Amino acid sequence: QVELVESGGGLVQPGGSLRLSCAASVSILRFYAMGWYRQAPGSTREFVAVITSDGTTTYTDSVKGRFTISRDTAKNTVFLQMNSLEAEDTAVYYCNADNRTPVGPDPYWGQGTEVTVSS
């Protein structure tokens, strides 16, 4: 059973920074990619950032230049460094493991960590 555990969320003022972590119970290199998604109150879950097994990163437009996804493969952990936070970044942030099997995708999700940006 794969377990993803997020941490690092909290309350921060606009313009501040937070660093989210996602610790996996297995090697993260076994997955096609590791990503971060978020869900704001009353909204659907949306893509934030992803890092593929070869290290390629992709971001949604609204966080480009502010957020950075990275990983420590020795610790099976993925990070999301969030700078210049805005109120619109308020959401529950979920870690995702893009697991692809011969019969189709079988993703794993963490339980989420809440980020609130407010003065």
Protein backbone atom coordinates (compact mmCIF):
# COMPACT_ATOMS: atom_id res chain seq x y z
CA GLN A 1 0.00 0.00 0.00
CA VAL A 2 1.39 3.39 -1.03
CA GLU A 3 1.07 6.21 1.46
CA LEU A 4 1.62 9.91 0.76
CA VAL A 5 1.82 12.24 3.73
CA GLU A 6 1.76 16.00 3.22
CA SER A 7 2.94 18.57 5.72
CA GLY A 8 3.91 22.22 5.90
CA GLY A 9 0.59 23.96 5.47
CA GLY A 10 -0.59 26.79 7.66
CA LEU A 11 -1.62 30.41 7.89
CA VAL A 12 0.57 32.95 6.15
CA GLN A 13 0.22 36.61 5.27
CA PRO A 14 0.03 37.77 1.64
CA GLY A 15 3.52 37.96 0.21
CA GLY A 16 4.79 35.29 2.55
CA SER A 17 6.22 31.85 1.88
CA LEU A 18 5.53 28.25 2.78
CA ARG A 19 7.22 24.98 1.92
CA LEU A 20 5.04 21.92 1.55
CA SER A 21 6.44 18.41 1.80
CA CYS A 22 5.06 15.09 0.59
CA ALA A 23 6.69 11.98 2.00
CA ALA A 24 6.04 8.74 0.14
CA SER A 25 6.21 5.27 1.66
CA VAL A 26 7.87 3.93 -1.50
CA SER A 27 10.41 5.17 -4.01
CA ILE A 28 8.96 8.13 -5.87
CA LEU A 29 10.92 7.13 -8.96
CA ARG A 30 8.58 4.20 -9.50
CA PHE A 31 5.92 6.69 -10.58
CA TYR A 32 5.68 8.50 -13.91
CA ALA A 33 5.45 11.78 -12.02
CA MET A 34 4.76 13.38 -8.68
CA GLY A 35 2.55 16.41 -8.49
CA TRP A 36 0.72 18.94 -6.40
CA TYR A 37 -2.93 19.82 -6.80
CA ARG A 38 -5.13 22.16 -4.79
CA GLN A 39 -8.79 22.62 -4.03
CA ALA A 40 -10.16 25.92 -2.87
CA PRO A 41 -13.47 26.14 -1.00
CA GLY A 42 -16.35 25.71 -3.42
CA SER A 43 -14.04 24.81 -6.30
CA THR A 44 -12.86 21.67 -8.03
CA ARG A 45 -9.40 20.26 -7.54
CA GLU A 46 -6.88 21.83 -9.90
CA PHE A 47 -3.38 21.08 -11.07
CA VAL A 48 -0.54 23.15 -9.58
CA ALA A 49 2.79 21.59 -10.46
CA VAL A 50 4.39 18.30 -11.46
CA ILE A 51 7.84 16.78 -11.64
CA THR A 52 8.34 13.74 -13.85
CA SER A 53 10.66 10.86 -13.13
CA ASP A 54 13.31 12.42 -15.38
CA GLY A 55 13.09 15.71 -13.49
CA THR A 56 11.02 17.74 -15.92
CA THR A 57 8.79 20.28 -14.18
CA THR A 58 5.55 21.91 -15.28
CA TYR A 59 3.44 24.56 -13.57
CA THR A 60 0.03 26.03 -13.95
CA ASP A 61 0.25 29.60 -15.25
CA SER A 62 -0.97 31.26 -12.06
CA VAL A 63 1.99 29.98 -10.00
CA LYS A 64 4.82 30.27 -12.52
CA GLY A 65 7.68 32.28 -11.08
CA ARG A 66 6.33 31.96 -7.54
CA PHE A 67 6.20 28.21 -6.84
CA THR A 68 8.94 25.63 -7.27
CA ILE A 69 8.50 21.87 -7.20
CA SER A 70 11.50 19.74 -6.27
CA ARG A 71 12.31 16.36 -4.85
CA ASP A 72 14.74 14.40 -2.71
CA THR A 73 14.78 10.92 -4.17
CA ALA A 74 16.89 9.58 -1.31
CA LYS A 75 14.14 10.57 1.13
CA ASN A 76 11.26 9.81 -1.23
CA THR A 77 9.96 13.31 -0.66
CA VAL A 78 8.58 15.96 -2.97
CA PHE A 79 8.47 19.63 -2.06
CA LEU A 80 6.52 22.66 -3.14
CA GLN A 81 8.19 25.95 -2.29
CA MET A 82 5.58 28.68 -2.44
CA ASN A 83 6.70 32.30 -2.47
CA SER A 84 4.83 35.59 -2.91
CA LEU A 85 1.67 33.92 -1.73
CA GLU A 86 -1.65 35.50 -2.61
CA ALA A 87 -5.12 35.14 -1.14
CA GLU A 88 -6.07 33.19 -4.25
CA ASP A 89 -3.58 30.50 -3.25
CA THR A 90 -5.73 29.59 -0.27
CA ALA A 91 -6.70 25.93 -0.65
CA VAL A 92 -6.12 22.43 0.53
CA TYR A 93 -3.00 21.16 -1.25
CA TYR A 94 -2.81 17.51 -2.23
CA CYS A 95 0.17 15.43 -3.24
CA ASN A 96 -0.34 13.08 -6.17
CA ALA A 97 1.60 10.10 -7.45
CA ASP A 98 0.99 9.50 -11.15
CA ASN A 99 1.00 5.73 -11.17
CA ARG A 100 0.50 4.13 -14.57
CA THR A 101 -0.27 0.44 -14.87
CA PRO A 102 -0.73 -1.80 -17.92
CA VAL A 103 -4.48 -1.53 -17.45
CA GLY A 104 -4.58 2.20 -16.92
CA PRO A 105 -3.82 4.99 -14.43
CA ASP A 106 -3.98 4.19 -10.75
CA PRO A 107 -3.05 7.42 -8.97
CA TYR A 108 -2.34 7.83 -5.29
CA TRP A 109 -3.33 10.87 -3.22
CA GLY A 110 -2.33 12.25 0.12
CA GLN A 111 -4.77 13.48 2.72
CA GLY A 112 -4.07 17.14 1.99
CA THR A 113 -2.56 20.04 3.87
CA GLU A 114 -4.38 23.33 4.28
CA VAL A 115 -2.87 26.63 3.21
CA THR A 116 -4.53 29.88 4.20
CA VAL A 117 -3.22 33.19 2.91
CA SER A 118 -4.73 36.03 4.86
CA SER A 119 -3.78 39.18 6.71
